[in-house]
Amino acid sequence: LAVTSRLLAPFAPFFSDWLHRALTGTSVHLASFVRDETHTDSELEHHMAAIRALAGLGHAARDVADARVRQPLSMLQCVVPADAAGAAELAPLLASELNVKLVQFVTSTDALITLEGKPNFRVLGKKFGGSTPQVAAAASALSDEQLRVLAGGGSITIVVADEPREITPDDVTIVRRASGAAVVQEDGGFGVALDPTISPELRAEGLSREIVSRVQRLRRDASLAVSDRIQLAIAGDAEIELVAREYSAHIAGEVLATTVLVGRNAGSPFHEGTVDDSWSARQDGDVDGRAVRIALRKDGT
């Protein structure tokens, strides 16, 4: 609060001075503007940097899976370098950022991906000459264990035509493929595996978040104040209305609605034959390809 009062001082000189005096006993206008760096938690900052790296990979995985951030997903598995193992304590932050229900930290991505080796003929040709086709065929058949040695920067020895041949990482291009349905992203010792499977429960929650987003935009377009309470009406197909009813309390809490009318029953502005100009803010659109109608008005109670 003391730092905040100093930041406010140029814009709110009287209030910030009162607050700073109450906190420190001195005027904010005589205080140093430089933050004291002696209390920096370097370990926490290091772990937070790891979480940021994982978040970047997680967003990349969502892009590959074509899963928008408002759609909750079930699980994210993470791998971090040994010196960042403490980042697991910040897993709730990562889960919130990526909108996943569970974040697990695992020791290796070996169980998350499979490796495929493709011979680098340009390098092999210079190195093995006439034996290149045979060496290339053997390189294409390398075991998963051998490929992991190459992926880690090591070299292996294989026998071709009864002769030992040394294979280095430059000789083989290693392609990483996700095991199962998970989407895997890796970079610099960090790795994530995102489960893109959307269950009916996750889909319903995702639709509710999309409805909230549409209502918030309509509030803004209607020039309502942030604190204004509203009455809300939602209509759509069977799935949209089922979600709106199931998540009505959540939707109401997010958009400050005192009432949520779902469907086209009497009292709804979407009831056939109803003409009520008080529902002046209306929007017809779609949520995940499904038609939805939204109307709201400021609550006068």
C-alpha atoms as a PDB file:
ATOM      1  CA  LEU A   1       0.000   0.000   0.000  1.00  0.00           C
ATOM      2  CA  ALA A   2       2.869   2.361   0.728  1.00  0.00           C
ATOM      3  CA  VAL A   3       4.331   1.753  -2.733  1.00  0.00           C
ATOM      4  CA  THR A   4       0.911   2.177  -4.305  1.00  0.00           C
ATOM      5  CA  SER A   5       0.419   5.497  -2.552  1.00  0.00           C
ATOM      6  CA  ARG A   6       3.753   6.707  -3.993  1.00  0.00           C
ATOM      7  CA  LEU A   7       2.661   5.699  -7.496  1.00  0.00           C
ATOM      8  CA  LEU A   8      -0.622   7.558  -6.975  1.00  0.00           C
ATOM      9  CA  ALA A   9       1.000  10.694  -5.611  1.00  0.00           C
ATOM     10  CA  PRO A  10       1.363  12.602  -8.932  1.00  0.00           C
ATOM     11  CA  PHE A  11      -2.319  12.020  -9.746  1.00  0.00           C
ATOM     12  CA  ALA A  12      -4.013  12.008  -6.327  1.00  0.00           C
ATOM     13  CA  PRO A  13      -1.692  14.073  -4.125  1.00  0.00           C
ATOM     14  CA  PHE A  14      -4.013  14.570  -1.142  1.00  0.00           C
ATOM     15  CA  PHE A  15      -5.444  11.071  -0.760  1.00  0.00           C
ATOM     16  CA  SER A  16      -2.066   9.424  -1.354  1.00  0.00           C
ATOM     17  CA  ASP A  17      -0.423  11.709   1.228  1.00  0.00           C
ATOM     18  CA  TRP A  18      -3.104  10.838   3.802  1.00  0.00           C
ATOM     19  CA  LEU A  19      -2.665   7.114   3.129  1.00  0.00           C
ATOM     20  CA  HIS A  20       1.141   7.263   3.229  1.00  0.00           C
ATOM     21  CA  ARG A  21       1.117   9.214   6.505  1.00  0.00           C
ATOM     22  CA  ALA A  22      -1.283   6.674   8.011  1.00  0.00           C
ATOM     23  CA  LEU A  23       1.003   3.820   6.985  1.00  0.00           C
ATOM     24  CA  THR A  24       4.464   5.281   7.569  1.00  0.00           C
ATOM     25  CA  GLY A  25       4.036   8.528   9.504  1.00  0.00           C
ATOM     26  CA  THR A  26       5.766  10.539   6.754  1.00  0.00           C
ATOM     27  CA  SER A  27       4.575  12.515   3.746  1.00  0.00           C
ATOM     28  CA  VAL A  28       4.399  10.663   0.441  1.00  0.00           C
ATOM     29  CA  HIS A  29       5.909  13.725  -1.269  1.00  0.00           C
ATOM     30  CA  LEU A  30       9.118  13.325   0.730  1.00  0.00           C
ATOM     31  CA  ALA A  31       9.390   9.571   0.195  1.00  0.00           C
ATOM     32  CA  SER A  32      11.888   7.862  -2.073  1.00  0.00           C
ATOM     33  CA  PHE A  33      10.345   6.690  -5.329  1.00  0.00           C
ATOM     34  CA  VAL A  34      12.835   3.799  -5.657  1.00  0.00           C
ATOM     35  CA  ARG A  35      11.581   0.370  -4.565  1.00  0.00           C
ATOM     36  CA  ASP A  36      13.693  -1.479  -2.012  1.00  0.00           C
ATOM     37  CA  GLU A  37      15.139  -4.496  -3.860  1.00  0.00           C
ATOM     38  CA  THR A  38      16.671  -6.154  -0.801  1.00  0.00           C
ATOM     39  CA  HIS A  39      13.627  -8.399  -0.314  1.00  0.00           C
ATOM     40  CA  THR A  40      13.683  -9.991  -3.771  1.00  0.00           C
ATOM     41  CA  ASP A  41      12.909 -13.709  -3.620  1.00  0.00           C
ATOM     42  CA  SER A  42      15.214 -15.022  -6.362  1.00  0.00           C
ATOM     43  CA  GLU A  43      13.992 -18.601  -5.951  1.00  0.00           C
ATOM     44  CA  LEU A  44      10.369 -17.581  -6.377  1.00  0.00           C
ATOM     45  CA  GLU A  45      11.254 -15.485  -9.433  1.00  0.00           C
ATOM     46  CA  HIS A  46      13.086 -18.465 -10.932  1.00  0.00           C
ATOM     47  CA  HIS A  47      10.080 -20.721 -10.407  1.00  0.00           C
ATOM     48  CA  MET A  48       7.748 -18.076 -11.780  1.00  0.00           C
ATOM     49  CA  ALA A  49       9.897 -17.850 -14.916  1.00  0.00           C
ATOM     50  CA  ALA A  50       9.397 -21.596 -15.309  1.00  0.00           C
ATOM     51  CA  ILE A  51       5.628 -21.203 -14.985  1.00  0.00           C
ATOM     52  CA  ARG A  52       5.682 -18.491 -17.655  1.00  0.00           C
ATOM     53  CA  ALA A  53       7.635 -20.794 -19.978  1.00  0.00           C
ATOM     54  CA  LEU A  54       5.121 -23.589 -19.401  1.00  0.00           C
ATOM     55  CA  ALA A  55       2.235 -21.181 -19.973  1.00  0.00           C
ATOM     56  CA  GLY A  56       3.683 -20.208 -23.345  1.00  0.00           C
ATOM     57  CA  LEU A  57       3.974 -23.858 -24.347  1.00  0.00           C
ATOM     58  CA  GLY A  58       0.473 -24.538 -23.032  1.00  0.00           C
ATOM     59  CA  HIS A  59      -1.020 -21.751 -25.154  1.00  0.00           C
ATOM     60  CA  ALA A  60       0.875 -23.109 -28.169  1.00  0.00           C
ATOM     61  CA  ALA A  61      -0.600 -26.556 -27.472  1.00  0.00           C
ATOM     62  CA  ARG A  62      -4.092 -25.030 -27.272  1.00  0.00           C
ATOM     63  CA  ASP A  63      -3.524 -23.389 -30.665  1.00  0.00           C
ATOM     64  CA  VAL A  64      -2.496 -26.723 -32.180  1.00  0.00           C
ATOM     65  CA  ALA A  65      -5.550 -28.406 -30.645  1.00  0.00           C
ATOM     66  CA  ASP A  66      -7.755 -25.508 -31.827  1.00  0.00           C
ATOM     67  CA  ALA A  67      -9.144 -25.138 -28.302  1.00  0.00           C
ATOM     68  CA  ARG A  68     -10.034 -21.580 -27.319  1.00  0.00           C
ATOM     69  CA  VAL A  69      -8.953 -20.513 -23.831  1.00  0.00           C
ATOM     70  CA  ARG A  70     -12.541 -20.107 -22.575  1.00  0.00           C
ATOM     71  CA  GLN A  71     -13.062 -23.830 -23.152  1.00  0.00           C
ATOM     72  CA  PRO A  72     -11.946 -25.711 -19.997  1.00  0.00           C
ATOM     73  CA  LEU A  73      -9.788 -28.796 -20.546  1.00  0.00           C
ATOM     74  CA  SER A  74      -9.165 -31.682 -18.198  1.00  0.00           C
ATOM     75  CA  MET A  75      -5.409 -32.065 -17.722  1.00  0.00           C
ATOM     76  CA  LEU A  76      -1.974 -30.656 -18.493  1.00  0.00           C
ATOM     77  CA  GLN A  77       1.208 -32.617 -17.802  1.00  0.00           C
ATOM     78  CA  CYS A  78       4.433 -30.638 -17.414  1.00  0.00           C
ATOM     79  CA  VAL A  79       8.164 -31.319 -17.470  1.00  0.00           C
ATOM     80  CA  VAL A  80      10.694 -28.794 -16.149  1.00  0.00           C
ATOM     81  CA  PRO A  81      14.488 -28.830 -15.749  1.00  0.00           C
ATOM     82  CA  ALA A  82      15.763 -30.205 -12.438  1.00  0.00           C
ATOM     83  CA  ASP A  83      16.576 -26.731 -11.086  1.00  0.00           C
ATOM     84  CA  ALA A  84      12.957 -25.622 -11.573  1.00  0.00           C
ATOM     85  CA  ALA A  85      11.238 -28.532  -9.819  1.00  0.00           C
ATOM     86  CA  GLY A  86       9.888 -26.146  -7.178  1.00  0.00           C
ATOM     87  CA  ALA A  87       7.642 -24.589  -9.828  1.00  0.00           C
ATOM     88  CA  ALA A  88       5.159 -27.364  -9.056  1.00  0.00           C
ATOM     89  CA  GLU A  89       4.089 -25.325  -6.022  1.00  0.00           C
ATOM     90  CA  LEU A  90       2.726 -22.707  -8.443  1.00  0.00           C
ATOM     91  CA  ALA A  91       0.617 -25.228 -10.374  1.00  0.00           C
ATOM     92  CA  PRO A  92      -2.690 -23.480  -9.470  1.00  0.00           C
ATOM     93  CA  LEU A  93      -1.477 -20.332 -11.261  1.00  0.00           C
ATOM     94  CA  LEU A  94      -0.724 -22.347 -14.387  1.00  0.00           C
ATOM     95  CA  ALA A  95      -4.078 -24.130 -14.201  1.00  0.00           C
ATOM     96  CA  SER A  96      -5.873 -20.784 -13.981  1.00  0.00           C
ATOM     97  CA  GLU A  97      -3.887 -19.236 -16.836  1.00  0.00           C
ATOM     98  CA  LEU A  98      -4.513 -22.168 -19.195  1.00  0.00           C
ATOM     99  CA  ASN A  99      -8.027 -23.006 -17.926  1.00  0.00           C
ATOM    100  CA  VAL A 100      -7.325 -26.659 -17.146  1.00  0.00           C
ATOM    101  CA  LYS A 101      -8.750 -28.642 -14.254  1.00  0.00           C
ATOM    102  CA  LEU A 102      -5.557 -30.479 -13.281  1.00  0.00           C
ATOM    103  CA  VAL A 103      -1.834 -29.757 -13.711  1.00  0.00           C
ATOM    104  CA  GLN A 104       0.583 -32.622 -13.146  1.00  0.00           C
ATOM    105  CA  PHE A 105       4.366 -32.383 -13.053  1.00  0.00           C
ATOM    106  CA  VAL A 106       6.165 -35.450 -14.410  1.00  0.00           C
ATOM    107  CA  THR A 107       9.880 -36.208 -14.580  1.00  0.00           C
ATOM    108  CA  SER A 108      10.155 -36.851 -18.319  1.00  0.00           C
ATOM    109  CA  THR A 109       8.326 -36.477 -21.612  1.00  0.00           C
ATOM    110  CA  ASP A 110       9.373 -39.994 -22.622  1.00  0.00           C
ATOM    111  CA  ALA A 111       5.924 -41.357 -21.862  1.00  0.00           C
ATOM    112  CA  LEU A 112       4.247 -38.459 -23.660  1.00  0.00           C
ATOM    113  CA  ILE A 113       5.938 -38.649 -27.058  1.00  0.00           C
ATOM    114  CA  THR A 114       7.304 -41.151 -29.546  1.00  0.00           C
ATOM    115  CA  LEU A 115      10.384 -40.495 -31.662  1.00  0.00           C
ATOM    116  CA  GLU A 116      10.876 -41.218 -35.342  1.00  0.00           C
ATOM    117  CA  GLY A 117      14.268 -41.052 -37.048  1.00  0.00           C
ATOM    118  CA  LYS A 118      14.687 -39.828 -40.620  1.00  0.00           C
ATOM    119  CA  PRO A 119      18.117 -40.242 -42.293  1.00  0.00           C
ATOM    120  CA  ASN A 120      19.878 -37.034 -43.260  1.00  0.00           C
ATOM    121  CA  PHE A 121      21.092 -38.209 -46.680  1.00  0.00           C
ATOM    122  CA  ARG A 122      23.191 -35.117 -47.327  1.00  0.00           C
ATOM    123  CA  VAL A 123      25.309 -35.730 -44.241  1.00  0.00           C
ATOM    124  CA  LEU A 124      25.300 -39.529 -44.562  1.00  0.00           C
ATOM    125  CA  GLY A 125      26.429 -39.387 -48.193  1.00  0.00           C
ATOM    126  CA  LYS A 126      29.541 -37.395 -47.356  1.00  0.00           C
ATOM    127  CA  LYS A 127      30.297 -39.627 -44.400  1.00  0.00           C
ATOM    128  CA  PHE A 128      29.604 -43.144 -45.701  1.00  0.00           C
ATOM    129  CA  GLY A 129      29.816 -42.872 -49.497  1.00  0.00           C
ATOM    130  CA  GLY A 130      28.646 -46.053 -51.226  1.00  0.00           C
ATOM    131  CA  SER A 131      27.354 -47.533 -47.973  1.00  0.00           C
ATOM    132  CA  THR A 132      24.869 -44.690 -47.526  1.00  0.00           C
ATOM    133  CA  PRO A 133      21.722 -46.639 -48.576  1.00  0.00           C
ATOM    134  CA  GLN A 134      22.449 -49.440 -46.098  1.00  0.00           C
ATOM    135  CA  VAL A 135      23.302 -47.018 -43.275  1.00  0.00           C
ATOM    136  CA  ALA A 136      20.203 -44.943 -44.045  1.00  0.00           C
ATOM    137  CA  ALA A 137      18.008 -48.050 -43.889  1.00  0.00           C
ATOM    138  CA  ALA A 138      19.505 -48.966 -40.510  1.00  0.00           C
ATOM    139  CA  ALA A 139      19.069 -45.391 -39.261  1.00  0.00           C
ATOM    140  CA  SER A 140      15.388 -45.518 -40.201  1.00  0.00           C
ATOM    141  CA  ALA A 141      14.981 -48.586 -37.991  1.00  0.00           C
ATOM    142  CA  LEU A 142      16.642 -47.213 -34.841  1.00  0.00           C
ATOM    143  CA  SER A 143      15.003 -48.156 -31.581  1.00  0.00           C
ATOM    144  CA  ASP A 144      13.261 -45.629 -29.357  1.00  0.00           C
ATOM    145  CA  GLU A 145      16.100 -45.903 -26.832  1.00  0.00           C
ATOM    146  CA  GLN A 146      18.721 -45.163 -29.507  1.00  0.00           C
ATOM    147  CA  LEU A 147      16.729 -42.190 -30.788  1.00  0.00           C
ATOM    148  CA  ARG A 148      16.513 -40.746 -27.287  1.00  0.00           C
ATOM    149  CA  VAL A 149      20.310 -40.928 -26.973  1.00  0.00           C
ATOM    150  CA  LEU A 150      20.632 -38.978 -30.229  1.00  0.00           C
ATOM    151  CA  ALA A 151      17.950 -36.507 -29.123  1.00  0.00           C
ATOM    152  CA  GLY A 152      20.005 -35.875 -25.986  1.00  0.00           C
ATOM    153  CA  GLY A 153      23.074 -34.988 -28.056  1.00  0.00           C
ATOM    154  CA  GLY A 154      24.848 -38.349 -27.748  1.00  0.00           C
ATOM    155  CA  SER A 155      26.162 -40.715 -30.423  1.00  0.00           C
ATOM    156  CA  ILE A 156      25.432 -44.407 -31.012  1.00  0.00           C
ATOM    157  CA  THR A 157      27.116 -47.257 -32.882  1.00  0.00           C
ATOM    158  CA  ILE A 158      25.245 -49.548 -35.247  1.00  0.00           C
ATOM    159  CA  VAL A 159      26.463 -52.504 -37.292  1.00  0.00           C
ATOM    160  CA  VAL A 160      25.959 -52.318 -41.061  1.00  0.00           C
ATOM    161  CA  ALA A 161      27.374 -55.045 -43.339  1.00  0.00           C
ATOM    162  CA  ASP A 162      29.294 -56.464 -40.375  1.00  0.00           C
ATOM    163  CA  GLU A 163      31.024 -53.114 -39.783  1.00  0.00           C
ATOM    164  CA  PRO A 164      30.435 -50.725 -36.844  1.00  0.00           C
ATOM    165  CA  ARG A 165      29.151 -47.304 -37.892  1.00  0.00           C
ATOM    166  CA  GLU A 166      28.974 -44.291 -35.595  1.00  0.00           C
ATOM    167  CA  ILE A 167      25.754 -42.297 -35.874  1.00  0.00           C
ATOM    168  CA  THR A 168      25.738 -38.748 -34.520  1.00  0.00           C
ATOM    169  CA  PRO A 169      22.807 -36.353 -33.982  1.00  0.00           C
ATOM    170  CA  ASP A 170      23.626 -34.642 -37.297  1.00  0.00           C
ATOM    171  CA  ASP A 171      23.122 -37.908 -39.208  1.00  0.00           C
ATOM    172  CA  VAL A 172      19.465 -38.337 -38.258  1.00  0.00           C
ATOM    173  CA  THR A 173      16.580 -35.884 -38.108  1.00  0.00           C
ATOM    174  CA  ILE A 174      14.408 -36.753 -35.131  1.00  0.00           C
ATOM    175  CA  VAL A 175      10.685 -36.142 -35.392  1.00  0.00           C
ATOM    176  CA  ARG A 176       8.682 -35.985 -32.167  1.00  0.00           C
ATOM    177  CA  ARG A 177       5.082 -37.194 -32.241  1.00  0.00           C
ATOM    178  CA  ALA A 178       2.577 -37.098 -29.404  1.00  0.00           C
ATOM    179  CA  SER A 179       1.539 -40.407 -27.888  1.00  0.00           C
ATOM    180  CA  GLY A 180      -2.220 -40.843 -27.996  1.00  0.00           C
ATOM    181  CA  ALA A 181      -4.475 -37.794 -28.210  1.00  0.00           C
ATOM    182  CA  ALA A 182      -2.275 -35.444 -26.167  1.00  0.00           C
ATOM    183  CA  VAL A 183      -0.749 -32.378 -27.822  1.00  0.00           C
ATOM    184  CA  VAL A 184       2.917 -32.069 -26.850  1.00  0.00           C
ATOM    185  CA  GLN A 185       5.085 -28.951 -26.987  1.00  0.00           C
ATOM    186  CA  GLU A 186       8.756 -28.781 -25.899  1.00  0.00           C
ATOM    187  CA  ASP A 187      11.424 -26.114 -25.711  1.00  0.00           C
ATOM    188  CA  GLY A 188      14.675 -25.740 -23.785  1.00  0.00           C
ATOM    189  CA  GLY A 189      14.076 -28.516 -21.281  1.00  0.00           C
ATOM    190  CA  PHE A 190      10.446 -27.559 -20.713  1.00  0.00           C
ATOM    191  CA  GLY A 191       7.589 -29.656 -22.019  1.00  0.00           C
ATOM    192  CA  VAL A 192       3.813 -29.871 -21.789  1.00  0.00           C
ATOM    193  CA  ALA A 193       1.254 -32.456 -22.857  1.00  0.00           C
ATOM    194  CA  LEU A 194      -2.285 -31.121 -23.143  1.00  0.00           C
ATOM    195  CA  ASP A 195      -5.275 -33.446 -23.216  1.00  0.00           C
ATOM    196  CA  PRO A 196      -7.641 -31.853 -25.770  1.00  0.00           C
ATOM    197  CA  THR A 197     -10.545 -34.232 -25.078  1.00  0.00           C
ATOM    198  CA  ILE A 198     -13.716 -32.275 -24.311  1.00  0.00           C
ATOM    199  CA  SER A 199     -16.228 -34.195 -22.225  1.00  0.00           C
ATOM    200  CA  PRO A 200     -19.921 -33.184 -22.171  1.00  0.00           C
ATOM    201  CA  GLU A 201     -19.346 -31.561 -18.756  1.00  0.00           C
ATOM    202  CA  LEU A 202     -16.382 -29.541 -20.013  1.00  0.00           C
ATOM    203  CA  ARG A 203     -18.305 -28.533 -23.125  1.00  0.00           C
ATOM    204  CA  ALA A 204     -21.207 -27.278 -21.014  1.00  0.00           C
ATOM    205  CA  GLU A 205     -18.856 -25.208 -18.844  1.00  0.00           C
ATOM    206  CA  GLY A 206     -17.195 -23.804 -21.956  1.00  0.00           C
ATOM    207  CA  LEU A 207     -20.555 -22.798 -23.420  1.00  0.00           C
ATOM    208  CA  SER A 208     -21.479 -21.056 -20.159  1.00  0.00           C
ATOM    209  CA  ARG A 209     -18.284 -19.005 -20.353  1.00  0.00           C
ATOM    210  CA  GLU A 210     -19.066 -18.056 -23.941  1.00  0.00           C
ATOM    211  CA  ILE A 211     -22.529 -16.916 -22.869  1.00  0.00           C
ATOM    212  CA  VAL A 212     -20.961 -14.789 -20.118  1.00  0.00           C
ATOM    213  CA  SER A 213     -18.623 -13.230 -22.683  1.00  0.00           C
ATOM    214  CA  ARG A 214     -21.547 -12.342 -24.974  1.00  0.00           C
ATOM    215  CA  VAL A 215     -23.504 -10.800 -22.100  1.00  0.00           C
ATOM    216  CA  GLN A 216     -20.505  -8.738 -20.970  1.00  0.00           C
ATOM    217  CA  ARG A 217     -20.127  -7.336 -24.482  1.00  0.00           C
ATOM    218  CA  LEU A 218     -23.822  -6.480 -24.576  1.00  0.00           C
ATOM    219  CA  ARG A 219     -23.498  -4.726 -21.203  1.00  0.00           C
ATOM    220  CA  ARG A 220     -20.654  -2.664 -22.623  1.00  0.00           C
ATOM    221  CA  ASP A 221     -22.568  -1.833 -25.804  1.00  0.00           C
ATOM    222  CA  ALA A 222     -25.509  -0.737 -23.647  1.00  0.00           C
ATOM    223  CA  SER A 223     -23.189   1.698 -21.775  1.00  0.00           C
ATOM    224  CA  LEU A 224     -24.006   0.182 -18.393  1.00  0.00           C
ATOM    225  CA  ALA A 225     -21.817   1.016 -15.424  1.00  0.00           C
ATOM    226  CA  VAL A 226     -19.626  -1.761 -14.050  1.00  0.00           C
ATOM    227  CA  SER A 227     -21.711  -1.901 -10.857  1.00  0.00           C
ATOM    228  CA  ASP A 228     -25.167  -1.840 -12.545  1.00  0.00           C
ATOM    229  CA  ARG A 229     -27.365  -4.852 -11.810  1.00  0.00           C
ATOM    230  CA  ILE A 230     -29.313  -6.284 -14.725  1.00  0.00           C
ATOM    231  CA  GLN A 231     -32.167  -8.586 -15.614  1.00  0.00           C
ATOM    232  CA  LEU A 232     -31.092 -11.128 -18.214  1.00  0.00           C
ATOM    233  CA  ALA A 233     -32.955 -13.290 -20.718  1.00  0.00           C
ATOM    234  CA  ILE A 234     -31.403 -16.092 -22.784  1.00  0.00           C
ATOM    235  CA  ALA A 235     -32.950 -18.253 -25.488  1.00  0.00           C
ATOM    236  CA  GLY A 236     -31.505 -20.755 -27.944  1.00  0.00           C
ATOM    237  CA  ASP A 237     -31.601 -24.401 -28.892  1.00  0.00           C
ATOM    238  CA  ALA A 238     -32.056 -27.191 -26.356  1.00  0.00           C
ATOM    239  CA  GLU A 239     -28.348 -27.432 -25.468  1.00  0.00           C
ATOM    240  CA  ILE A 240     -27.905 -23.680 -25.002  1.00  0.00           C
ATOM    241  CA  GLU A 241     -30.958 -23.427 -22.753  1.00  0.00           C
ATOM    242  CA  LEU A 242     -29.914 -26.506 -20.761  1.00  0.00           C
ATOM    243  CA  VAL A 243     -26.488 -24.955 -20.124  1.00  0.00           C
ATOM    244  CA  ALA A 244     -28.028 -21.571 -19.264  1.00  0.00           C
ATOM    245  CA  ARG A 245     -30.265 -23.206 -16.653  1.00  0.00           C
ATOM    246  CA  GLU A 246     -27.523 -25.415 -15.205  1.00  0.00           C
ATOM    247  CA  TYR A 247     -25.063 -22.522 -14.915  1.00  0.00           C
ATOM    248  CA  SER A 248     -27.576 -19.753 -14.224  1.00  0.00           C
ATOM    249  CA  ALA A 249     -26.059 -18.961 -10.803  1.00  0.00           C
ATOM    250  CA  HIS A 250     -22.555 -18.738 -12.266  1.00  0.00           C
ATOM    251  CA  ILE A 251     -23.731 -16.578 -15.178  1.00  0.00           C
ATOM    252  CA  ALA A 252     -25.687 -14.292 -12.855  1.00  0.00           C
ATOM    253  CA  GLY A 253     -22.686 -13.838 -10.566  1.00  0.00           C
ATOM    254  CA  GLU A 254     -20.364 -12.985 -13.441  1.00  0.00           C
ATOM    255  CA  VAL A 255     -22.633 -10.437 -15.137  1.00  0.00           C
ATOM    256  CA  LEU A 256     -24.387  -9.039 -12.006  1.00  0.00           C
ATOM    257  CA  ALA A 257     -27.812 -10.351 -13.001  1.00  0.00           C
ATOM    258  CA  THR A 258     -30.552 -10.361 -10.360  1.00  0.00           C
ATOM    259  CA  THR A 259     -32.727 -12.633 -12.515  1.00  0.00           C
ATOM    260  CA  VAL A 260     -31.958 -14.980 -15.426  1.00  0.00           C
ATOM    261  CA  LEU A 261     -34.889 -15.948 -17.643  1.00  0.00           C
ATOM    262  CA  VAL A 262     -34.177 -18.945 -19.866  1.00  0.00           C
ATOM    263  CA  GLY A 263     -36.329 -19.946 -22.825  1.00  0.00           C
ATOM    264  CA  ARG A 264     -39.351 -18.409 -24.485  1.00  0.00           C
ATOM    265  CA  ASN A 265     -41.868 -18.742 -21.670  1.00  0.00           C
ATOM    266  CA  ALA A 266     -44.213 -15.976 -20.535  1.00  0.00           C
ATOM    267  CA  GLY A 267     -42.239 -13.086 -19.067  1.00  0.00           C
ATOM    268  CA  SER A 268     -39.360 -13.587 -21.464  1.00  0.00           C
ATOM    269  CA  PRO A 269     -38.851 -10.915 -24.129  1.00  0.00           C
ATOM    270  CA  PHE A 270     -38.561 -13.821 -26.590  1.00  0.00           C
ATOM    271  CA  HIS A 271     -42.064 -15.129 -25.808  1.00  0.00           C
ATOM    272  CA  GLU A 272     -44.141 -15.180 -28.972  1.00  0.00           C
ATOM    273  CA  GLY A 273     -46.209 -12.030 -29.288  1.00  0.00           C
ATOM    274  CA  THR A 274     -44.355 -10.208 -26.493  1.00  0.00           C
ATOM    275  CA  VAL A 275     -43.529  -6.542 -27.138  1.00  0.00           C
ATOM    276  CA  ASP A 276     -41.573  -4.936 -24.308  1.00  0.00           C
ATOM    277  CA  ASP A 277     -39.346  -1.993 -25.175  1.00  0.00           C
ATOM    278  CA  SER A 278     -37.681  -2.056 -21.755  1.00  0.00           C
ATOM    279  CA  TRP A 279     -35.496  -4.903 -23.024  1.00  0.00           C
ATOM    280  CA  SER A 280     -33.719  -2.460 -25.300  1.00  0.00           C
ATOM    281  CA  ALA A 281     -30.342  -4.219 -25.283  1.00  0.00           C
ATOM    282  CA  ARG A 282     -30.646  -7.304 -27.454  1.00  0.00           C
ATOM    283  CA  GLN A 283     -28.300  -9.460 -29.467  1.00  0.00           C
ATOM    284  CA  ASP A 284     -28.797 -12.415 -31.801  1.00  0.00           C
ATOM    285  CA  GLY A 285     -25.631 -14.383 -32.391  1.00  0.00           C
ATOM    286  CA  ASP A 286     -24.087 -17.781 -31.986  1.00  0.00           C
ATOM    287  CA  VAL A 287     -22.080 -19.654 -29.380  1.00  0.00           C
ATOM    288  CA  ASP A 288     -19.838 -22.351 -30.800  1.00  0.00           C
ATOM    289  CA  GLY A 289     -21.993 -22.466 -33.928  1.00  0.00           C
ATOM    290  CA  ARG A 290     -25.284 -22.576 -32.017  1.00  0.00           C
ATOM    291  CA  ALA A 291     -27.798 -19.763 -32.317  1.00  0.00           C
ATOM    292  CA  VAL A 292     -28.408 -17.800 -29.137  1.00  0.00           C
ATOM    293  CA  ARG A 293     -30.538 -14.779 -28.314  1.00  0.00           C
ATOM    294  CA  ILE A 294     -29.701 -12.484 -25.407  1.00  0.00           C
ATOM    295  CA  ALA A 295     -31.584  -9.528 -23.979  1.00  0.00           C
ATOM    296  CA  LEU A 296     -30.940  -7.463 -20.863  1.00  0.00           C
ATOM    297  CA  ARG A 297     -32.154  -4.384 -19.079  1.00  0.00           C
ATOM    298  CA  LYS A 298     -30.990  -2.464 -16.052  1.00  0.00           C
ATOM    299  CA  ASP A 299     -32.556  -3.712 -12.868  1.00  0.00           C
ATOM    300  CA  GLY A 300     -34.569  -0.935 -11.293  1.00  0.00           C
ATOM    301  CA  THR A 301     -35.265  -2.648  -7.964  1.00  0.00           C
END
